[in-house]
Amino acid sequence: MASKRVETAKKYIDHFATLDTQILESILADDYSHEFGPASIQHLTPPSFDKRGKIEHMQRLRRILSGFPVTAKQYIDSEESNKVVIWATSKTVFRAEAMDDSISPSEWEFNGEYVFILSMDANGDKITRTVEFLDSKETVDKLLVLMKKANENLQKG
């Protein structure tokens, strides 16, 4: 049987499928913090988010994405440190209205790879801190380009 920590971690991973911020509201601690790594991408993203910032970030993503399904390849549960480490992959699902024909449908797909380190509260049902390591090369070379294009397409109307 999975620990409460892993159950909470699975809810966190599952929220990406629909970018449901209500799930985040229920599993992020009030004093939550979120950091991105590696350091080489810190200039591309806010260096960190609090709970409200994380939720607002996901709401912004929902403008251009209908989902960002994340699939866990492995969960590592550490009772001693009260953390769960997740190695995962993802796939973007851009909203139809955010895409255009200048890029082929297959090129609108971004497949990412991540490592999340989730620190939990004493009960294991709230996440107090996330450190998210992204595939920095693919994020810079592809994902950010697609997101910029999608936002531009929405602004055109």
N, C-alpha and C. Protein backbone atom coordinates (compact mmCIF):
# COMPACT_ATOMS: atom_id res chain seq x y z
N MET A 1 0.84 -1.18 0.00
CA MET A 1 0.00 0.00 0.00
C MET A 1 0.89 1.24 0.00
N ALA A 2 0.53 2.21 -0.81
CA ALA A 2 1.32 3.44 -0.92
C ALA A 2 1.16 4.29 0.34
N SER A 3 2.22 4.98 0.70
CA SER A 3 2.17 5.88 1.85
C SER A 3 1.31 7.10 1.52
N LYS A 4 0.92 7.83 2.56
CA LYS A 4 0.16 9.07 2.36
C LYS A 4 0.97 10.04 1.50
N ARG A 5 2.30 10.05 1.69
CA ARG A 5 3.17 10.92 0.89
C ARG A 5 3.04 10.60 -0.59
N VAL A 6 3.10 9.32 -0.93
CA VAL A 6 3.01 8.91 -2.34
C VAL A 6 1.61 9.20 -2.89
N GLU A 7 0.58 8.98 -2.10
CA GLU A 7 -0.78 9.30 -2.54
C GLU A 7 -0.89 10.79 -2.89
N THR A 8 -0.31 11.64 -2.05
CA THR A 8 -0.33 13.08 -2.31
C THR A 8 0.49 13.41 -3.54
N ALA A 9 1.65 12.77 -3.68
CA ALA A 9 2.50 12.99 -4.86
C ALA A 9 1.76 12.59 -6.14
N LYS A 10 1.00 11.51 -6.10
CA LYS A 10 0.24 11.08 -7.27
C LYS A 10 -0.84 12.10 -7.63
N LYS A 11 -1.48 12.70 -6.63
CA LYS A 11 -2.46 13.76 -6.91
C LYS A 11 -1.78 14.94 -7.59
N TYR A 12 -0.58 15.27 -7.12
CA TYR A 12 0.17 16.37 -7.72
C TYR A 12 0.46 16.08 -9.19
N ILE A 13 0.96 14.89 -9.47
CA ILE A 13 1.27 14.51 -10.86
C ILE A 13 -0.01 14.47 -11.69
N ASP A 14 -1.08 13.93 -11.14
CA ASP A 14 -2.34 13.82 -11.88
C ASP A 14 -2.95 15.17 -12.24
N HIS A 15 -2.70 16.22 -11.44
CA HIS A 15 -3.33 17.52 -11.71
C HIS A 15 -2.88 18.09 -13.05
N PHE A 16 -1.70 17.69 -13.53
CA PHE A 16 -1.19 18.24 -14.79
C PHE A 16 -2.06 17.83 -15.99
N ALA A 17 -2.75 16.72 -15.91
CA ALA A 17 -3.56 16.25 -17.04
C ALA A 17 -4.59 17.28 -17.46
N THR A 18 -5.16 17.98 -16.48
CA THR A 18 -6.18 18.99 -16.78
C THR A 18 -5.79 20.38 -16.26
N LEU A 19 -4.64 20.47 -15.61
CA LEU A 19 -4.18 21.72 -14.99
C LEU A 19 -5.21 22.24 -13.99
N ASP A 20 -5.80 21.31 -13.25
CA ASP A 20 -6.85 21.61 -12.27
C ASP A 20 -6.26 22.27 -11.03
N THR A 21 -6.52 23.56 -10.87
CA THR A 21 -5.94 24.27 -9.73
C THR A 21 -6.65 23.95 -8.42
N GLN A 22 -7.86 23.40 -8.47
CA GLN A 22 -8.54 23.00 -7.23
C GLN A 22 -7.77 21.88 -6.54
N ILE A 23 -7.19 21.00 -7.34
CA ILE A 23 -6.36 19.94 -6.74
C ILE A 23 -5.19 20.57 -6.02
N LEU A 24 -4.53 21.53 -6.68
CA LEU A 24 -3.40 22.20 -6.03
C LEU A 24 -3.82 22.90 -4.74
N GLU A 25 -4.96 23.58 -4.77
CA GLU A 25 -5.46 24.25 -3.56
C GLU A 25 -5.54 23.28 -2.39
N SER A 26 -5.92 22.03 -2.68
CA SER A 26 -6.13 21.06 -1.61
C SER A 26 -4.85 20.37 -1.13
N ILE A 27 -3.80 20.34 -1.95
CA ILE A 27 -2.61 19.58 -1.55
C ILE A 27 -1.37 20.44 -1.30
N LEU A 28 -1.41 21.72 -1.63
CA LEU A 28 -0.26 22.58 -1.35
C LEU A 28 -0.46 23.24 0.01
N ALA A 29 0.58 23.20 0.83
CA ALA A 29 0.54 23.84 2.14
C ALA A 29 0.47 25.36 1.98
N ASP A 30 -0.04 26.04 2.98
CA ASP A 30 -0.13 27.50 2.91
C ASP A 30 1.25 28.15 2.76
N ASP A 31 2.27 27.52 3.33
CA ASP A 31 3.64 28.07 3.24
C ASP A 31 4.45 27.42 2.11
N TYR A 32 3.77 26.89 1.12
CA TYR A 32 4.39 26.19 -0.01
C TYR A 32 5.40 27.06 -0.75
N SER A 33 6.46 26.41 -1.24
CA SER A 33 7.40 27.08 -2.15
C SER A 33 7.75 26.13 -3.28
N HIS A 34 8.02 26.71 -4.45
CA HIS A 34 8.33 25.94 -5.66
C HIS A 34 9.55 26.57 -6.30
N GLU A 35 10.56 25.74 -6.57
CA GLU A 35 11.78 26.21 -7.21
C GLU A 35 12.05 25.38 -8.46
N PHE A 36 12.68 26.01 -9.44
CA PHE A 36 13.05 25.33 -10.68
C PHE A 36 14.56 25.11 -10.74
N GLY A 37 14.96 24.03 -11.37
CA GLY A 37 16.35 23.75 -11.64
C GLY A 37 16.46 23.19 -13.03
N PRO A 38 17.60 23.14 -13.59
CA PRO A 38 18.88 23.58 -13.02
C PRO A 38 19.01 25.10 -13.02
N ALA A 39 20.05 25.58 -12.37
CA ALA A 39 20.28 27.02 -12.25
C ALA A 39 20.39 27.70 -13.60
N SER A 40 20.80 26.98 -14.63
CA SER A 40 20.98 27.58 -15.96
C SER A 40 19.68 28.10 -16.57
N ILE A 41 18.53 27.70 -16.05
CA ILE A 41 17.26 28.19 -16.60
C ILE A 41 16.60 29.23 -15.70
N GLN A 42 17.23 29.57 -14.60
CA GLN A 42 16.61 30.49 -13.64
C GLN A 42 16.21 31.82 -14.28
N HIS A 43 16.93 32.27 -15.30
CA HIS A 43 16.60 33.54 -15.95
C HIS A 43 15.36 33.44 -16.84
N LEU A 44 14.91 32.23 -17.14
CA LEU A 44 13.77 32.03 -18.03
C LEU A 44 12.44 31.94 -17.29
N THR A 45 12.51 31.59 -16.04
CA THR A 45 11.30 31.41 -15.25
C THR A 45 11.46 32.20 -13.96
N PRO A 46 10.36 32.48 -13.28
CA PRO A 46 10.54 33.05 -11.95
C PRO A 46 11.38 32.07 -11.13
N PRO A 47 12.31 32.55 -10.33
CA PRO A 47 13.16 31.61 -9.59
C PRO A 47 12.37 30.74 -8.62
N SER A 48 11.22 31.24 -8.17
CA SER A 48 10.41 30.45 -7.25
C SER A 48 8.98 30.98 -7.24
N PHE A 49 8.09 30.15 -6.71
CA PHE A 49 6.69 30.51 -6.52
C PHE A 49 6.30 30.19 -5.09
N ASP A 50 5.35 30.95 -4.55
CA ASP A 50 4.66 30.52 -3.36
C ASP A 50 3.39 29.81 -3.82
N LYS A 51 2.52 29.45 -2.90
CA LYS A 51 1.30 28.71 -3.28
C LYS A 51 0.47 29.50 -4.29
N ARG A 52 0.22 30.76 -4.01
CA ARG A 52 -0.60 31.58 -4.91
C ARG A 52 0.08 31.71 -6.27
N GLY A 53 1.40 31.91 -6.28
CA GLY A 53 2.14 32.04 -7.53
C GLY A 53 2.08 30.77 -8.37
N LYS A 54 2.16 29.61 -7.72
CA LYS A 54 2.07 28.33 -8.44
C LYS A 54 0.69 28.18 -9.08
N ILE A 55 -0.34 28.50 -8.34
CA ILE A 55 -1.70 28.37 -8.85
C ILE A 55 -1.92 29.35 -10.02
N GLU A 56 -1.44 30.57 -9.88
CA GLU A 56 -1.57 31.55 -10.97
C GLU A 56 -0.79 31.11 -12.21
N HIS A 57 0.38 30.51 -12.01
CA HIS A 57 1.17 29.98 -13.12
C HIS A 57 0.37 28.92 -13.89
N MET A 58 -0.26 28.01 -13.17
CA MET A 58 -1.05 26.96 -13.81
C MET A 58 -2.26 27.57 -14.54
N GLN A 59 -2.86 28.60 -13.97
CA GLN A 59 -3.99 29.26 -14.64
C GLN A 59 -3.54 29.91 -15.94
N ARG A 60 -2.34 30.49 -15.95
CA ARG A 60 -1.81 31.07 -17.20
C ARG A 60 -1.58 29.98 -18.24
N LEU A 61 -1.07 28.84 -17.81
CA LEU A 61 -0.85 27.73 -18.74
C LEU A 61 -2.17 27.26 -19.35
N ARG A 62 -3.24 27.30 -18.57
CA ARG A 62 -4.55 26.85 -19.07
C ARG A 62 -5.07 27.71 -20.21
N ARG A 63 -4.55 28.90 -20.36
CA ARG A 63 -4.96 29.74 -21.50
C ARG A 63 -4.55 29.10 -22.82
N ILE A 64 -3.38 28.44 -22.84
CA ILE A 64 -2.86 27.89 -24.09
C ILE A 64 -2.86 26.37 -24.13
N LEU A 65 -2.99 25.73 -22.98
CA LEU A 65 -2.96 24.27 -22.91
C LEU A 65 -4.25 23.75 -22.31
N SER A 66 -4.79 22.69 -22.89
CA SER A 66 -5.93 22.03 -22.26
C SER A 66 -5.45 21.00 -21.26
N GLY A 67 -4.19 20.63 -21.38
CA GLY A 67 -3.58 19.70 -20.44
C GLY A 67 -2.09 19.60 -20.69
N PHE A 68 -1.42 19.04 -19.71
CA PHE A 68 0.02 18.84 -19.79
C PHE A 68 0.28 17.51 -19.06
N PRO A 69 -0.32 16.42 -19.58
CA PRO A 69 -0.25 15.15 -18.85
C PRO A 69 1.18 14.75 -18.50
N VAL A 70 1.37 14.46 -17.24
CA VAL A 70 2.66 14.01 -16.72
C VAL A 70 2.51 12.55 -16.32
N THR A 71 3.46 11.74 -16.73
CA THR A 71 3.45 10.32 -16.41
C THR A 71 4.67 10.00 -15.56
N ALA A 72 4.42 9.49 -14.38
CA ALA A 72 5.52 9.12 -13.50
C ALA A 72 6.17 7.83 -13.99
N LYS A 73 7.48 7.88 -14.14
CA LYS A 73 8.23 6.67 -14.47
C LYS A 73 8.63 5.95 -13.19
N GLN A 74 8.83 6.75 -12.13
CA GLN A 74 9.25 6.16 -10.86
C GLN A 74 8.93 7.11 -9.71
N TYR A 75 8.44 6.54 -8.61
CA TYR A 75 8.26 7.27 -7.35
C TYR A 75 9.26 6.70 -6.36
N ILE A 76 9.98 7.57 -5.68
CA ILE A 76 10.89 7.14 -4.62
C ILE A 76 10.39 7.81 -3.34
N ASP A 77 9.94 7.00 -2.40
CA ASP A 77 9.35 7.47 -1.15
C ASP A 77 10.39 7.39 -0.04
N SER A 78 10.68 8.51 0.59
CA SER A 78 11.63 8.53 1.70
C SER A 78 10.92 8.93 2.99
N GLU A 79 10.66 7.93 3.81
CA GLU A 79 10.04 8.20 5.11
C GLU A 79 10.98 9.02 5.97
N GLU A 80 12.26 8.69 5.91
CA GLU A 80 13.27 9.37 6.74
C GLU A 80 13.31 10.88 6.49
N SER A 81 13.28 11.28 5.22
CA SER A 81 13.35 12.72 4.91
C SER A 81 11.96 13.34 4.68
N ASN A 82 10.92 12.51 4.71
CA ASN A 82 9.54 12.95 4.48
C ASN A 82 9.39 13.61 3.10
N LYS A 83 9.99 12.95 2.11
CA LYS A 83 9.97 13.46 0.73
C LYS A 83 9.62 12.34 -0.24
N VAL A 84 9.13 12.76 -1.40
CA VAL A 84 8.91 11.85 -2.52
C VAL A 84 9.63 12.45 -3.72
N VAL A 85 10.43 11.62 -4.38
CA VAL A 85 11.11 12.02 -5.60
C VAL A 85 10.40 11.32 -6.75
N ILE A 86 10.12 12.08 -7.81
CA ILE A 86 9.39 11.54 -8.95
C ILE A 86 10.19 11.81 -10.22
N TRP A 87 10.45 10.76 -10.96
CA TRP A 87 11.04 10.89 -12.30
C TRP A 87 9.88 10.74 -13.26
N ALA A 88 9.70 11.72 -14.15
CA ALA A 88 8.49 11.74 -14.97
C ALA A 88 8.74 12.27 -16.38
N THR A 89 7.77 11.98 -17.24
CA THR A 89 7.75 12.54 -18.59
C THR A 89 6.43 13.28 -18.77
N SER A 90 6.36 14.09 -19.82
CA SER A 90 5.12 14.84 -20.07
C SER A 90 4.88 14.98 -21.56
N LYS A 91 3.67 15.41 -21.87
CA LYS A 91 3.30 15.69 -23.25
C LYS A 91 2.34 16.89 -23.23
N THR A 92 2.60 17.88 -24.05
CA THR A 92 1.71 19.04 -24.09
C THR A 92 0.46 18.75 -24.92
N VAL A 93 -0.64 19.36 -24.51
CA VAL A 93 -1.87 19.34 -25.29
C VAL A 93 -2.30 20.80 -25.44
N PHE A 94 -1.86 21.41 -26.54
CA PHE A 94 -2.20 22.81 -26.79
C PHE A 94 -3.66 22.93 -27.20
N ARG A 95 -4.28 24.00 -26.79
CA ARG A 95 -5.66 24.29 -27.20
C ARG A 95 -5.69 24.54 -28.70
N ALA A 96 -6.72 24.08 -29.38
CA ALA A 96 -6.84 24.24 -30.83
C ALA A 96 -6.74 25.70 -31.24
N GLU A 97 -7.36 26.58 -30.47
CA GLU A 97 -7.35 28.00 -30.81
C GLU A 97 -5.98 28.66 -30.61
N ALA A 98 -5.08 27.98 -29.92
CA ALA A 98 -3.73 28.52 -29.71
C ALA A 98 -2.75 28.06 -30.79
N MET A 99 -3.15 27.07 -31.58
CA MET A 99 -2.27 26.54 -32.62
C MET A 99 -2.60 27.18 -33.97
N ASP A 100 -1.64 27.11 -34.88
CA ASP A 100 -1.88 27.54 -36.25
C ASP A 100 -1.20 26.57 -37.21
N ASP A 101 -1.38 26.80 -38.49
CA ASP A 101 -0.85 25.89 -39.50
C ASP A 101 0.61 26.13 -39.85
N SER A 102 1.23 27.14 -39.26
CA SER A 102 2.64 27.39 -39.56
C SER A 102 3.54 26.32 -38.94
N ILE A 103 2.97 25.58 -38.01
CA ILE A 103 3.69 24.47 -37.36
C ILE A 103 2.81 23.24 -37.51
N SER A 104 3.40 22.12 -37.90
CA SER A 104 2.61 20.90 -38.09
C SER A 104 2.07 20.41 -36.74
N PRO A 105 0.96 19.68 -36.77
CA PRO A 105 0.39 19.17 -35.52
C PRO A 105 1.39 18.38 -34.67
N SER A 106 2.23 17.58 -35.31
CA SER A 106 3.20 16.80 -34.54
C SER A 106 4.26 17.70 -33.89
N GLU A 107 4.55 18.83 -34.52
CA GLU A 107 5.53 19.76 -33.93
C GLU A 107 4.96 20.53 -32.75
N TRP A 108 3.63 20.59 -32.64
CA TRP A 108 3.01 21.23 -31.49
C TRP A 108 3.12 20.36 -30.24
N GLU A 109 3.54 19.12 -30.41
CA GLU A 109 3.70 18.23 -29.26
C GLU A 109 5.08 18.41 -28.66
N PHE A 110 5.11 18.61 -27.36
CA PHE A 110 6.37 18.68 -26.63
C PHE A 110 6.39 17.54 -25.64
N ASN A 111 7.45 16.77 -25.67
CA ASN A 111 7.62 15.68 -24.72
C ASN A 111 8.77 16.04 -23.79
N GLY A 112 8.44 16.27 -22.54
CA GLY A 112 9.44 16.70 -21.57
C GLY A 112 9.82 15.61 -20.60
N GLU A 113 10.87 15.88 -19.86
CA GLU A 113 11.33 14.96 -18.82
C GLU A 113 11.65 15.78 -17.59
N TYR A 114 11.31 15.26 -16.42
CA TYR A 114 11.39 16.02 -15.18
C TYR A 114 11.82 15.13 -14.02
N VAL A 115 12.34 15.78 -13.00
CA VAL A 115 12.49 15.18 -11.68
C VAL A 115 11.88 16.18 -10.70
N PHE A 116 10.92 15.72 -9.93
CA PHE A 116 10.29 16.54 -8.89
C PHE A 116 10.73 16.00 -7.54
N ILE A 117 11.11 16.88 -6.65
CA ILE A 117 11.39 16.52 -5.26
C ILE A 117 10.32 17.22 -4.43
N LEU A 118 9.43 16.44 -3.84
CA LEU A 118 8.32 16.98 -3.06
C LEU A 118 8.59 16.77 -1.57
N SER A 119 8.64 17.86 -0.82
CA SER A 119 8.75 17.79 0.64
C SER A 119 7.34 17.89 1.21
N MET A 120 7.05 17.07 2.21
CA MET A 120 5.70 16.97 2.75
C MET A 120 5.59 17.52 4.17
N ASP A 121 4.36 17.83 4.57
CA ASP A 121 4.12 18.20 5.95
C ASP A 121 4.15 16.92 6.80
N ALA A 122 4.00 17.06 8.09
CA ALA A 122 4.12 15.92 9.01
C ALA A 122 3.11 14.82 8.71
N ASN A 123 1.93 15.18 8.22
CA ASN A 123 0.89 14.18 7.92
C ASN A 123 1.06 13.54 6.54
N GLY A 124 1.84 14.17 5.68
CA GLY A 124 2.05 13.63 4.34
C GLY A 124 0.95 13.97 3.36
N ASP A 125 0.00 14.82 3.76
CA ASP A 125 -1.09 15.15 2.85
C ASP A 125 -1.01 16.55 2.26
N LYS A 126 0.04 17.29 2.60
CA LYS A 126 0.28 18.62 2.03
C LYS A 126 1.73 18.69 1.58
N ILE A 127 1.93 19.33 0.43
CA ILE A 127 3.28 19.53 -0.10
C ILE A 127 3.75 20.90 0.39
N THR A 128 4.91 20.93 1.03
CA THR A 128 5.43 22.19 1.55
C THR A 128 6.44 22.82 0.60
N ARG A 129 7.08 21.99 -0.22
CA ARG A 129 8.11 22.51 -1.14
C ARG A 129 8.25 21.55 -2.32
N THR A 130 8.40 22.13 -3.51
CA THR A 130 8.71 21.36 -4.71
C THR A 130 9.97 21.93 -5.33
N VAL A 131 10.90 21.05 -5.67
CA VAL A 131 12.03 21.41 -6.51
C VAL A 131 11.81 20.65 -7.80
N GLU A 132 11.68 21.39 -8.90
CA GLU A 132 11.35 20.80 -10.21
C GLU A 132 12.54 20.99 -11.16
N PHE A 133 13.14 19.87 -11.53
CA PHE A 133 14.24 19.90 -12.50
C PHE A 133 13.66 19.59 -13.88
N LEU A 134 13.89 20.50 -14.83
CA LEU A 134 13.36 20.35 -16.18
C LEU A 134 14.46 19.92 -17.14
N ASP A 135 14.03 19.38 -18.25
CA ASP A 135 14.95 19.13 -19.37
C ASP A 135 15.23 20.50 -19.97
N SER A 136 16.28 21.15 -19.50
CA SER A 136 16.50 22.56 -19.83
C SER A 136 16.71 22.80 -21.33
N LYS A 137 17.43 21.94 -22.01
CA LYS A 137 17.68 22.14 -23.43
C LYS A 137 16.37 22.10 -24.22
N GLU A 138 15.58 21.06 -24.02
CA GLU A 138 14.31 20.94 -24.75
C GLU A 138 13.32 22.03 -24.35
N THR A 139 13.33 22.42 -23.08
CA THR A 139 12.43 23.48 -22.63
C THR A 139 12.76 24.78 -23.35
N VAL A 140 14.04 25.12 -23.42
CA VAL A 140 14.46 26.36 -24.09
C VAL A 140 14.27 26.26 -25.60
N ASP A 141 14.75 25.17 -26.18
CA ASP A 141 14.74 25.03 -27.65
C ASP A 141 13.35 24.81 -28.24
N LYS A 142 12.44 24.21 -27.47
CA LYS A 142 11.15 23.86 -28.07
C LYS A 142 9.95 24.39 -27.29
N LEU A 143 9.85 24.04 -26.00
CA LEU A 143 8.63 24.37 -25.26
C LEU A 143 8.38 25.87 -25.18
N LEU A 144 9.39 26.63 -24.81
CA LEU A 144 9.19 28.07 -24.69
C LEU A 144 8.85 28.71 -26.03
N VAL A 145 9.40 28.19 -27.12
CA VAL A 145 9.08 28.68 -28.46
C VAL A 145 7.61 28.40 -28.78
N LEU A 146 7.15 27.19 -28.48
CA LEU A 146 5.75 26.84 -28.74
C LEU A 146 4.80 27.68 -27.89
N MET A 147 5.15 27.88 -26.63
CA MET A 147 4.29 28.67 -25.74
C MET A 147 4.20 30.12 -26.22
N LYS A 148 5.31 30.66 -26.64
CA LYS A 148 5.30 32.03 -27.16
C LYS A 148 4.40 32.12 -28.39
N LYS A 149 4.54 31.17 -29.29
CA LYS A 149 3.73 31.14 -30.51
C LYS A 149 2.24 31.00 -30.16
N ALA A 150 1.92 30.13 -29.22
CA ALA A 150 0.53 29.93 -28.81
C ALA A 150 -0.06 31.20 -28.21
N ASN A 151 0.69 31.88 -27.37
CA ASN A 151 0.21 33.14 -26.79
C ASN A 151 0.01 34.20 -27.87
N GLU A 152 0.92 34.28 -28.82
CA GLU A 152 0.77 35.22 -29.94
C GLU A 152 -0.49 34.91 -30.75
N ASN A 153 -0.73 33.63 -31.01
CA ASN A 153 -1.92 33.23 -31.77
C ASN A 153 -3.20 33.64 -31.05
N LEU A 154 -3.23 33.49 -29.73
CA LEU A 154 -4.42 33.88 -28.98
C LEU A 154 -4.62 35.39 -29.00
N GLN A 155 -3.52 36.13 -28.97
CA GLN A 155 -3.63 37.59 -28.99
C GLN A 155 -4.16 38.10 -30.33
N LYS A 156 -3.85 37.36 -31.41
CA LYS A 156 -4.34 37.74 -32.74
C LYS A 156 -5.86 37.60 -32.82
N GLY A 157 -6.36 36.69 -32.01
CA GLY A 157 -7.80 36.55 -31.97
C GLY A 157 -8.33 35.42 -32.72
